[in-house]
């Protein structure tokens, strides 16, 4: 008796071979995260009208960390990248972050 996986693989191969199958194809796009070089972070700061200290406070890092990012000495960690991405996509989140 063929397993579910074996049946699925056969149906997929039939689909690839152009045979009539019940395979449903769903296309989707994956949003691309922005690159975080110093200029991107500086520009974000200017857009949301905060100092290095202000941005640091919003995302929970030190002002030296923001300075280091802007000078391309280090890159934001994954958590900081997520917050920066949200701020880039929606500048109005600044007000929400100030409340946290």
PDB file of N, CA and C in Angstrom:
ATOM      1  N   UNK A   1       0.849  -1.177   0.000  1.00  0.00           N
ATOM      2  CA  UNK A   1       0.000   0.000   0.000  1.00  0.00           C
ATOM      3  C   UNK A   1       0.898   1.245   0.000  1.00  0.00           C
ATOM      4  N   UNK A   2       0.667   2.104  -0.945  1.00  0.00           N
ATOM      5  CA  UNK A   2       1.482   3.319  -1.080  1.00  0.00           C
ATOM      6  C   UNK A   2       1.111   4.318   0.015  1.00  0.00           C
ATOM      7  N   UNK A   3       2.129   4.996   0.502  1.00  0.00           N
ATOM      8  CA  UNK A   3       1.887   5.996   1.543  1.00  0.00           C
ATOM      9  C   UNK A   3       1.331   7.280   0.928  1.00  0.00           C
ATOM     10  N   UNK A   4       0.840   8.133   1.793  1.00  0.00           N
ATOM     11  CA  UNK A   4       0.317   9.431   1.349  1.00  0.00           C
ATOM     12  C   UNK A   4       1.417  10.218   0.655  1.00  0.00           C
ATOM     13  N   UNK A   5       2.621  10.152   1.210  1.00  0.00           N
ATOM     14  CA  UNK A   5       3.742  10.890   0.614  1.00  0.00           C
ATOM     15  C   UNK A   5       4.062  10.345  -0.772  1.00  0.00           C
ATOM     16  N   UNK A   6       4.085   9.014  -0.909  1.00  0.00           N
ATOM     17  CA  UNK A   6       4.365   8.419  -2.221  1.00  0.00           C
ATOM     18  C   UNK A   6       3.299   8.811  -3.238  1.00  0.00           C
ATOM     19  N   UNK A   7       2.038   8.791  -2.820  1.00  0.00           N
ATOM     20  CA  UNK A   7       0.949   9.199  -3.719  1.00  0.00           C
ATOM     21  C   UNK A   7       1.079  10.669  -4.103  1.00  0.00           C
ATOM     22  N   UNK A   8       1.432  11.490  -3.135  1.00  0.00           N
ATOM     23  CA  UNK A   8       1.602  12.919  -3.407  1.00  0.00           C
ATOM     24  C   UNK A   8       2.736  13.156  -4.389  1.00  0.00           C
ATOM     25  N   UNK A   9       3.835  12.437  -4.199  1.00  0.00           N
ATOM     26  CA  UNK A   9       4.975  12.583  -5.109  1.00  0.00           C
ATOM     27  C   UNK A   9       4.615  12.133  -6.524  1.00  0.00           C
ATOM     28  N   UNK A  10       3.858  11.031  -6.636  1.00  0.00           N
ATOM     29  CA  UNK A  10       3.444  10.563  -7.964  1.00  0.00           C
ATOM     30  C   UNK A  10       2.533  11.587  -8.630  1.00  0.00           C
ATOM     31  N   UNK A  11       1.580  12.121  -7.868  1.00  0.00           N
ATOM     32  CA  UNK A  11       0.670  13.128  -8.417  1.00  0.00           C
ATOM     33  C   UNK A  11       1.441  14.379  -8.845  1.00  0.00           C
ATOM     34  N   UNK A  12       2.422  14.772  -8.054  1.00  0.00           N
ATOM     35  CA  UNK A  12       3.252  15.931  -8.397  1.00  0.00           C
ATOM     36  C   UNK A  12       4.038  15.656  -9.673  1.00  0.00           C
ATOM     37  N   UNK A  13       4.610  14.461  -9.792  1.00  0.00           N
ATOM     38  CA  UNK A  13       5.365  14.121 -11.000  1.00  0.00           C
ATOM     39  C   UNK A  13       4.442  14.112 -12.218  1.00  0.00           C
ATOM     40  N   UNK A  14       3.243  13.573 -12.056  1.00  0.00           N
ATOM     41  CA  UNK A  14       2.271  13.598 -13.152  1.00  0.00           C
ATOM     42  C   UNK A  14       1.964  15.038 -13.564  1.00  0.00           C
ATOM     43  N   UNK A  15       1.815  15.914 -12.589  1.00  0.00           N
ATOM     44  CA  UNK A  15       1.569  17.325 -12.872  1.00  0.00           C
ATOM     45  C   UNK A  15       2.724  17.908 -13.672  1.00  0.00           C
ATOM     46  N   UNK A  16       3.960  17.629 -13.225  1.00  0.00           N
ATOM     47  CA  UNK A  16       5.136  18.140 -13.935  1.00  0.00           C
ATOM     48  C   UNK A  16       5.232  17.588 -15.351  1.00  0.00           C
ATOM     49  N   UNK A  17       4.761  16.364 -15.536  1.00  0.00           N
ATOM     50  CA  UNK A  17       4.794  15.740 -16.865  1.00  0.00           C
ATOM     51  C   UNK A  17       3.647  16.208 -17.753  1.00  0.00           C
ATOM     52  N   UNK A  18       2.787  17.086 -17.223  1.00  0.00           N
ATOM     53  CA  UNK A  18       1.700  17.645 -18.018  1.00  0.00           C
ATOM     54  C   UNK A  18       0.440  16.803 -18.031  1.00  0.00           C
ATOM     55  N   UNK A  19       0.383  15.790 -17.202  1.00  0.00           N
ATOM     56  CA  UNK A  19      -0.802  14.939 -17.144  1.00  0.00           C
ATOM     57  C   UNK A  19      -1.903  15.649 -16.355  1.00  0.00           C
ATOM     58  N   UNK A  20      -3.145  15.227 -16.599  1.00  0.00           N
ATOM     59  CA  UNK A  20      -4.292  15.813 -15.912  1.00  0.00           C
ATOM     60  C   UNK A  20      -4.310  15.317 -14.464  1.00  0.00           C
ATOM     61  N   UNK A  21      -4.197  16.255 -13.521  1.00  0.00           N
ATOM     62  CA  UNK A  21      -4.171  15.890 -12.101  1.00  0.00           C
ATOM     63  C   UNK A  21      -5.074  16.827 -11.311  1.00  0.00           C
ATOM     64  N   UNK A  22      -5.199  16.549 -10.053  1.00  0.00           N
ATOM     65  CA  UNK A  22      -5.965  17.412  -9.153  1.00  0.00           C
ATOM     66  C   UNK A  22      -5.060  18.381  -8.397  1.00  0.00           C
ATOM     67  N   UNK A  23      -3.843  18.551  -8.871  1.00  0.00           N
ATOM     68  CA  UNK A  23      -2.897  19.437  -8.200  1.00  0.00           C
ATOM     69  C   UNK A  23      -3.364  20.876  -8.343  1.00  0.00           C
ATOM     70  N   UNK A  24      -3.393  21.581  -7.231  1.00  0.00           N
ATOM     71  CA  UNK A  24      -3.741  23.001  -7.237  1.00  0.00           C
ATOM     72  C   UNK A  24      -2.466  23.797  -7.005  1.00  0.00           C
ATOM     73  N   UNK A  25      -2.175  24.725  -7.907  1.00  0.00           N
ATOM     74  CA  UNK A  25      -0.982  25.554  -7.790  1.00  0.00           C
ATOM     75  C   UNK A  25      -1.389  26.923  -7.266  1.00  0.00           C
ATOM     76  N   UNK A  26      -0.761  27.323  -6.183  1.00  0.00           N
ATOM     77  CA  UNK A  26      -1.018  28.634  -5.594  1.00  0.00           C
ATOM     78  C   UNK A  26       0.285  29.411  -5.624  1.00  0.00           C
ATOM     79  N   UNK A  27       0.275  30.527  -6.331  1.00  0.00           N
ATOM     80  CA  UNK A  27       1.470  31.363  -6.409  1.00  0.00           C
ATOM     81  C   UNK A  27       1.379  32.476  -5.386  1.00  0.00           C
ATOM     82  N   UNK A  28       2.491  32.759  -4.764  1.00  0.00           N
ATOM     83  CA  UNK A  28       2.555  33.840  -3.790  1.00  0.00           C
ATOM     84  C   UNK A  28       3.931  34.481  -3.858  1.00  0.00           C
ATOM     85  N   UNK A  29       3.995  35.695  -3.407  1.00  0.00           N
ATOM     86  CA  UNK A  29       5.300  36.355  -3.380  1.00  0.00           C
ATOM     87  C   UNK A  29       5.720  36.537  -1.929  1.00  0.00           C
ATOM     88  N   UNK A  30       7.009  36.488  -1.727  1.00  0.00           N
ATOM     89  CA  UNK A  30       7.559  36.673  -0.391  1.00  0.00           C
ATOM     90  C   UNK A  30       8.169  38.061  -0.340  1.00  0.00           C
ATOM     91  N   UNK A  31       7.700  38.904   0.589  1.00  0.00           N
ATOM     92  CA  UNK A  31       8.260  40.255   0.648  1.00  0.00           C
ATOM     93  C   UNK A  31       9.745  40.207   0.994  1.00  0.00           C
ATOM     94  N   UNK A  32      10.490  41.063   0.358  1.00  0.00           N
ATOM     95  CA  UNK A  32      11.928  41.118   0.579  1.00  0.00           C
ATOM     96  C   UNK A  32      12.219  42.128   1.674  1.00  0.00           C
ATOM     97  N   UNK A  33      13.006  41.696   2.649  1.00  0.00           N
ATOM     98  CA  UNK A  33      13.412  42.619   3.707  1.00  0.00           C
ATOM     99  C   UNK A  33      14.411  43.607   3.140  1.00  0.00           C
ATOM    100  N   UNK A  34      14.346  44.830   3.609  1.00  0.00           N
ATOM    101  CA  UNK A  34      15.320  45.816   3.135  1.00  0.00           C
ATOM    102  C   UNK A  34      16.721  45.495   3.644  1.00  0.00           C
ATOM    103  N   UNK A  35      17.713  45.956   2.905  1.00  0.00           N
ATOM    104  CA  UNK A  35      19.095  45.859   3.365  1.00  0.00           C
ATOM    105  C   UNK A  35      19.304  46.965   4.383  1.00  0.00           C
ATOM    106  N   UNK A  36      20.122  46.718   5.367  1.00  0.00           N
ATOM    107  CA  UNK A  36      20.325  47.697   6.424  1.00  0.00           C
ATOM    108  C   UNK A  36      21.754  48.205   6.439  1.00  0.00           C
ATOM    109  N   UNK A  37      22.064  49.100   5.510  1.00  0.00           N
ATOM    110  CA  UNK A  37      23.360  49.758   5.597  1.00  0.00           C
ATOM    111  C   UNK A  37      23.156  51.082   6.332  1.00  0.00           C
ATOM    112  N   UNK A  38      24.258  51.762   6.592  1.00  0.00           N
ATOM    113  CA  UNK A  38      24.200  52.995   7.368  1.00  0.00           C
ATOM    114  C   UNK A  38      23.265  54.035   6.798  1.00  0.00           C
ATOM    115  N   UNK A  39      23.253  54.164   5.475  1.00  0.00           N
ATOM    116  CA  UNK A  39      22.397  55.178   4.845  1.00  0.00           C
ATOM    117  C   UNK A  39      20.914  54.881   5.037  1.00  0.00           C
ATOM    118  N   UNK A  40      20.542  53.613   4.973  1.00  0.00           N
ATOM    119  CA  UNK A  40      19.134  53.239   5.166  1.00  0.00           C
ATOM    120  C   UNK A  40      18.683  53.641   6.569  1.00  0.00           C
ATOM    121  N   UNK A  41      19.531  53.376   7.546  1.00  0.00           N
ATOM    122  CA  UNK A  41      19.166  53.682   8.927  1.00  0.00           C
ATOM    123  C   UNK A  41      19.136  55.192   9.158  1.00  0.00           C
ATOM    124  N   UNK A  42      20.107  55.907   8.594  1.00  0.00           N
ATOM    125  CA  UNK A  42      20.107  57.378   8.714  1.00  0.00           C
ATOM    126  C   UNK A  42      18.857  57.967   8.080  1.00  0.00           C
ATOM    127  N   UNK A  43      18.530  57.481   6.878  1.00  0.00           N
ATOM    128  CA  UNK A  43      17.341  57.993   6.182  1.00  0.00           C
ATOM    129  C   UNK A  43      16.070  57.709   6.975  1.00  0.00           C
ATOM    130  N   UNK A  44      15.982  56.525   7.563  1.00  0.00           N
ATOM    131  CA  UNK A  44      14.821  56.206   8.391  1.00  0.00           C
ATOM    132  C   UNK A  44      14.731  57.180   9.561  1.00  0.00           C
ATOM    133  N   UNK A  45      15.854  57.422  10.205  1.00  0.00           N
ATOM    134  CA  UNK A  45      15.866  58.355  11.342  1.00  0.00           C
ATOM    135  C   UNK A  45      15.360  59.725  10.938  1.00  0.00           C
ATOM    136  N   UNK A  46      15.799  60.175   9.755  1.00  0.00           N
ATOM    137  CA  UNK A  46      15.363  61.490   9.271  1.00  0.00           C
ATOM    138  C   UNK A  46      13.865  61.489   8.968  1.00  0.00           C
ATOM    139  N   UNK A  47      13.375  60.395   8.375  1.00  0.00           N
ATOM    140  CA  UNK A  47      11.946  60.299   8.047  1.00  0.00           C
ATOM    141  C   UNK A  47      11.077  60.368   9.295  1.00  0.00           C
ATOM    142  N   UNK A  48      11.530  59.711  10.355  1.00  0.00           N
ATOM    143  CA  UNK A  48      10.706  59.683  11.567  1.00  0.00           C
ATOM    144  C   UNK A  48      11.118  60.771  12.558  1.00  0.00           C
ATOM    145  N   UNK A  49      12.090  61.582  12.137  1.00  0.00           N
ATOM    146  CA  UNK A  49      12.496  62.772  12.890  1.00  0.00           C
ATOM    147  C   UNK A  49      12.953  62.449  14.318  1.00  0.00           C
ATOM    148  N   UNK A  50      13.922  61.532  14.416  1.00  0.00           N
ATOM    149  CA  UNK A  50      14.504  61.212  15.722  1.00  0.00           C
ATOM    150  C   UNK A  50      16.027  61.238  15.633  1.00  0.00           C
ATOM    151  N   UNK A  51      16.649  61.435  16.774  1.00  0.00           N
ATOM    152  CA  UNK A  51      18.108  61.385  16.879  1.00  0.00           C
ATOM    153  C   UNK A  51      18.542  59.921  16.991  1.00  0.00           C
ATOM    154  N   UNK A  52      19.849  59.711  16.992  1.00  0.00           N
ATOM    155  CA  UNK A  52      20.349  58.350  17.223  1.00  0.00           C
ATOM    156  C   UNK A  52      19.854  57.837  18.571  1.00  0.00           C
ATOM    157  N   UNK A  53      19.894  58.704  19.571  1.00  0.00           N
ATOM    158  CA  UNK A  53      19.420  58.330  20.905  1.00  0.00           C
ATOM    159  C   UNK A  53      17.927  57.996  20.868  1.00  0.00           C
ATOM    160  N   UNK A  54      17.164  58.790  20.104  1.00  0.00           N
ATOM    161  CA  UNK A  54      15.729  58.547  19.981  1.00  0.00           C
ATOM    162  C   UNK A  54      15.420  57.217  19.317  1.00  0.00           C
ATOM    163  N   UNK A  55      16.131  56.907  18.225  1.00  0.00           N
ATOM    164  CA  UNK A  55      15.920  55.627  17.541  1.00  0.00           C
ATOM    165  C   UNK A  55      16.324  54.481  18.456  1.00  0.00           C
ATOM    166  N   UNK A  56      17.434  54.663  19.155  1.00  0.00           N
ATOM    167  CA  UNK A  56      17.893  53.626  20.084  1.00  0.00           C
ATOM    168  C   UNK A  56      16.821  53.320  21.125  1.00  0.00           C
ATOM    169  N   UNK A  57      16.211  54.362  21.668  1.00  0.00           N
ATOM    170  CA  UNK A  57      15.156  54.173  22.660  1.00  0.00           C
ATOM    171  C   UNK A  57      13.935  53.473  22.097  1.00  0.00           C
ATOM    172  N   UNK A  58      13.600  53.769  20.850  1.00  0.00           N
ATOM    173  CA  UNK A  58      12.421  53.155  20.226  1.00  0.00           C
ATOM    174  C   UNK A  58      12.582  51.656  20.052  1.00  0.00           C
ATOM    175  N   UNK A  59      13.789  51.224  19.682  1.00  0.00           N
ATOM    176  CA  UNK A  59      13.956  49.803  19.361  1.00  0.00           C
ATOM    177  C   UNK A  59      14.727  49.022  20.419  1.00  0.00           C
ATOM    178  N   UNK A  60      15.112  49.703  21.505  1.00  0.00           N
ATOM    179  CA  UNK A  60      15.704  48.984  22.627  1.00  0.00           C
ATOM    180  C   UNK A  60      17.171  48.638  22.493  1.00  0.00           C
ATOM    181  N   UNK A  61      17.942  49.535  21.886  1.00  0.00           N
ATOM    182  CA  UNK A  61      19.393  49.352  21.800  1.00  0.00           C
ATOM    183  C   UNK A  61      20.063  50.618  22.323  1.00  0.00           C
ATOM    184  N   UNK A  62      21.375  50.588  22.418  1.00  0.00           N
ATOM    185  CA  UNK A  62      22.085  51.776  22.893  1.00  0.00           C
ATOM    186  C   UNK A  62      22.316  52.756  21.746  1.00  0.00           C
ATOM    187  N   UNK A  63      22.483  54.037  22.060  1.00  0.00           N
ATOM    188  CA  UNK A  63      22.817  55.012  21.016  1.00  0.00           C
ATOM    189  C   UNK A  63      24.114  54.647  20.281  1.00  0.00           C
ATOM    190  N   UNK A  64      25.066  54.042  20.989  1.00  0.00           N
ATOM    191  CA  UNK A  64      26.316  53.606  20.337  1.00  0.00           C
ATOM    192  C   UNK A  64      26.057  52.538  19.288  1.00  0.00           C
ATOM    193  N   UNK A  65      25.089  51.695  19.555  1.00  0.00           N
ATOM    194  CA  UNK A  65      24.732  50.654  18.587  1.00  0.00           C
ATOM    195  C   UNK A  65      24.205  51.292  17.312  1.00  0.00           C
ATOM    196  N   UNK A  66      23.308  52.259  17.441  1.00  0.00           N
ATOM    197  CA  UNK A  66      22.773  52.957  16.265  1.00  0.00           C
ATOM    198  C   UNK A  66      23.906  53.659  15.526  1.00  0.00           C
ATOM    199  N   UNK A  67      24.794  54.305  16.260  1.00  0.00           N
ATOM    200  CA  UNK A  67      25.946  54.972  15.646  1.00  0.00           C
ATOM    201  C   UNK A  67      26.791  53.966  14.868  1.00  0.00           C
ATOM    202  N   UNK A  68      27.006  52.803  15.447  1.00  0.00           N
ATOM    203  CA  UNK A  68      27.796  51.759  14.798  1.00  0.00           C
ATOM    204  C   UNK A  68      27.123  51.267  13.516  1.00  0.00           C
ATOM    205  N   UNK A  69      25.801  51.147  13.538  1.00  0.00           N
ATOM    206  CA  UNK A  69      25.071  50.751  12.331  1.00  0.00           C
ATOM    207  C   UNK A  69      25.241  51.797  11.245  1.00  0.00           C
ATOM    208  N   UNK A  70      25.084  53.055  11.632  1.00  0.00           N
ATOM    209  CA  UNK A  70      25.137  54.138  10.648  1.00  0.00           C
ATOM    210  C   UNK A  70      26.535  54.311  10.059  1.00  0.00           C
ATOM    211  N   UNK A  71      27.545  53.871  10.785  1.00  0.00           N
ATOM    212  CA  UNK A  71      28.913  53.961  10.274  1.00  0.00           C
ATOM    213  C   UNK A  71      29.337  52.662   9.589  1.00  0.00           C
ATOM    214  N   UNK A  72      28.377  51.749   9.410  1.00  0.00           N
ATOM    215  CA  UNK A  72      28.615  50.451   8.760  1.00  0.00           C
ATOM    216  C   UNK A  72      29.681  49.612   9.459  1.00  0.00           C
ATOM    217  N   UNK A  73      29.808  49.779  10.760  1.00  0.00           N
ATOM    218  CA  UNK A  73      30.740  48.939  11.518  1.00  0.00           C
ATOM    219  C   UNK A  73      30.087  47.622  11.913  1.00  0.00           C
ATOM    220  N   UNK A  74      28.795  47.683  12.210  1.00  0.00           N
ATOM    221  CA  UNK A  74      28.038  46.473  12.545  1.00  0.00           C
ATOM    222  C   UNK A  74      26.677  46.556  11.866  1.00  0.00           C
ATOM    223  N   UNK A  75      25.967  45.432  11.867  1.00  0.00           N
ATOM    224  CA  UNK A  75      24.621  45.378  11.303  1.00  0.00           C
ATOM    225  C   UNK A  75      23.627  45.085  12.419  1.00  0.00           C
ATOM    226  N   UNK A  76      22.409  45.543  12.257  1.00  0.00           N
ATOM    227  CA  UNK A  76      21.383  45.242  13.261  1.00  0.00           C
ATOM    228  C   UNK A  76      21.165  43.733  13.380  1.00  0.00           C
ATOM    229  N   UNK A  77      20.906  43.276  14.613  1.00  0.00           N
ATOM    230  CA  UNK A  77      20.567  41.865  14.783  1.00  0.00           C
ATOM    231  C   UNK A  77      19.156  41.628  14.243  1.00  0.00           C
ATOM    232  N   UNK A  78      18.740  40.380  14.239  1.00  0.00           N
ATOM    233  CA  UNK A  78      17.465  40.008  13.618  1.00  0.00           C
ATOM    234  C   UNK A  78      16.274  40.731  14.263  1.00  0.00           C
ATOM    235  N   UNK A  79      16.273  40.831  15.576  1.00  0.00           N
ATOM    236  CA  UNK A  79      15.157  41.510  16.257  1.00  0.00           C
ATOM    237  C   UNK A  79      15.090  42.978  15.868  1.00  0.00           C
ATOM    238  N   UNK A  80      16.253  43.622  15.840  1.00  0.00           N
ATOM    239  CA  UNK A  80      16.295  45.038  15.455  1.00  0.00           C
ATOM    240  C   UNK A  80      15.901  45.210  13.997  1.00  0.00           C
ATOM    241  N   UNK A  81      16.318  44.272  13.141  1.00  0.00           N
ATOM    242  CA  UNK A  81      15.944  44.347  11.726  1.00  0.00           C
ATOM    243  C   UNK A  81      14.433  44.293  11.565  1.00  0.00           C
ATOM    244  N   UNK A  82      13.783  43.464  12.357  1.00  0.00           N
ATOM    245  CA  UNK A  82      12.319  43.366  12.259  1.00  0.00           C
ATOM    246  C   UNK A  82      11.661  44.688  12.642  1.00  0.00           C
ATOM    247  N   UNK A  83      12.116  45.281  13.745  1.00  0.00           N
ATOM    248  CA  UNK A  83      11.544  46.566  14.156  1.00  0.00           C
ATOM    249  C   UNK A  83      11.842  47.660  13.137  1.00  0.00           C
ATOM    250  N   UNK A  84      13.065  47.686  12.616  1.00  0.00           N
ATOM    251  CA  UNK A  84      13.418  48.687  11.603  1.00  0.00           C
ATOM    252  C   UNK A  84      12.567  48.510  10.350  1.00  0.00           C
ATOM    253  N   UNK A  85      12.347  47.260   9.955  1.00  0.00           N
ATOM    254  CA  UNK A  85      11.514  46.984   8.778  1.00  0.00           C
ATOM    255  C   UNK A  85      10.099  47.509   8.996  1.00  0.00           C
ATOM    256  N   UNK A  86       9.544  47.271  10.178  1.00  0.00           N
ATOM    257  CA  UNK A  86       8.199  47.779  10.479  1.00  0.00           C
ATOM    258  C   UNK A  86       8.159  49.298  10.421  1.00  0.00           C
ATOM    259  N   UNK A  87       9.184  49.949  10.948  1.00  0.00           N
ATOM    260  CA  UNK A  87       9.232  51.418  10.914  1.00  0.00           C
ATOM    261  C   UNK A  87       9.371  51.944   9.493  1.00  0.00           C
ATOM    262  N   UNK A  88      10.153  51.253   8.675  1.00  0.00           N
ATOM    263  CA  UNK A  88      10.307  51.671   7.277  1.00  0.00           C
ATOM    264  C   UNK A  88       8.970  51.558   6.551  1.00  0.00           C
ATOM    265  N   UNK A  89       8.252  50.472   6.798  1.00  0.00           N
ATOM    266  CA  UNK A  89       6.978  50.243   6.111  1.00  0.00           C
ATOM    267  C   UNK A  89       5.862  51.131   6.635  1.00  0.00           C
ATOM    268  N   UNK A  90       5.953  51.509   7.912  1.00  0.00           N
ATOM    269  CA  UNK A  90       4.876  52.296   8.514  1.00  0.00           C
ATOM    270  C   UNK A  90       5.465  53.237   9.564  1.00  0.00           C
ATOM    271  N   UNK A  91       5.830  54.434   9.124  1.00  0.00           N
ATOM    272  CA  UNK A  91       6.454  55.415  10.018  1.00  0.00           C
ATOM    273  C   UNK A  91       5.591  55.763  11.224  1.00  0.00           C
ATOM    274  N   UNK A  92       4.282  55.601  11.103  1.00  0.00           N
ATOM    275  CA  UNK A  92       3.408  55.987  12.214  1.00  0.00           C
ATOM    276  C   UNK A  92       3.542  55.049  13.413  1.00  0.00           C
ATOM    277  N   UNK A  93       4.240  53.934  13.245  1.00  0.00           N
ATOM    278  CA  UNK A  93       4.464  53.035  14.375  1.00  0.00           C
ATOM    279  C   UNK A  93       5.369  53.658  15.435  1.00  0.00           C
ATOM    280  N   UNK A  94       6.017  54.760  15.091  1.00  0.00           N
ATOM    281  CA  UNK A  94       6.857  55.467  16.062  1.00  0.00           C
ATOM    282  C   UNK A  94       6.042  55.783  17.305  1.00  0.00           C
ATOM    283  N   UNK A  95       4.842  56.268  17.117  1.00  0.00           N
ATOM    284  CA  UNK A  95       3.987  56.629  18.255  1.00  0.00           C
ATOM    285  C   UNK A  95       3.655  55.412  19.115  1.00  0.00           C
ATOM    286  N   UNK A  96       3.428  54.267  18.475  1.00  0.00           N
ATOM    287  CA  UNK A  96       3.146  53.039  19.220  1.00  0.00           C
ATOM    288  C   UNK A  96       4.364  52.614  20.028  1.00  0.00           C
ATOM    289  N   UNK A  97       5.538  52.668  19.403  1.00  0.00           N
ATOM    290  CA  UNK A  97       6.760  52.248  20.092  1.00  0.00           C
ATOM    291  C   UNK A  97       7.094  53.169  21.263  1.00  0.00           C
ATOM    292  N   UNK A  98       6.743  54.413  21.147  1.00  0.00           N
ATOM    293  CA  UNK A  98       7.008  55.345  22.257  1.00  0.00           C
ATOM    294  C   UNK A  98       6.195  54.988  23.496  1.00  0.00           C
ATOM    295  N   UNK A  99       5.062  54.335  23.294  1.00  0.00           N
ATOM    296  CA  UNK A  99       4.197  53.971  24.420  1.00  0.00           C
ATOM    297  C   UNK A  99       4.647  52.698  25.130  1.00  0.00           C
ATOM    298  N   UNK A 100       5.514  51.954  24.496  1.00  0.00           N
ATOM    299  CA  UNK A 100       5.948  50.666  25.067  1.00  0.00           C
ATOM    300  C   UNK A 100       7.128  50.875  25.989  1.00  0.00           C
TER     301      UNK A 100
END
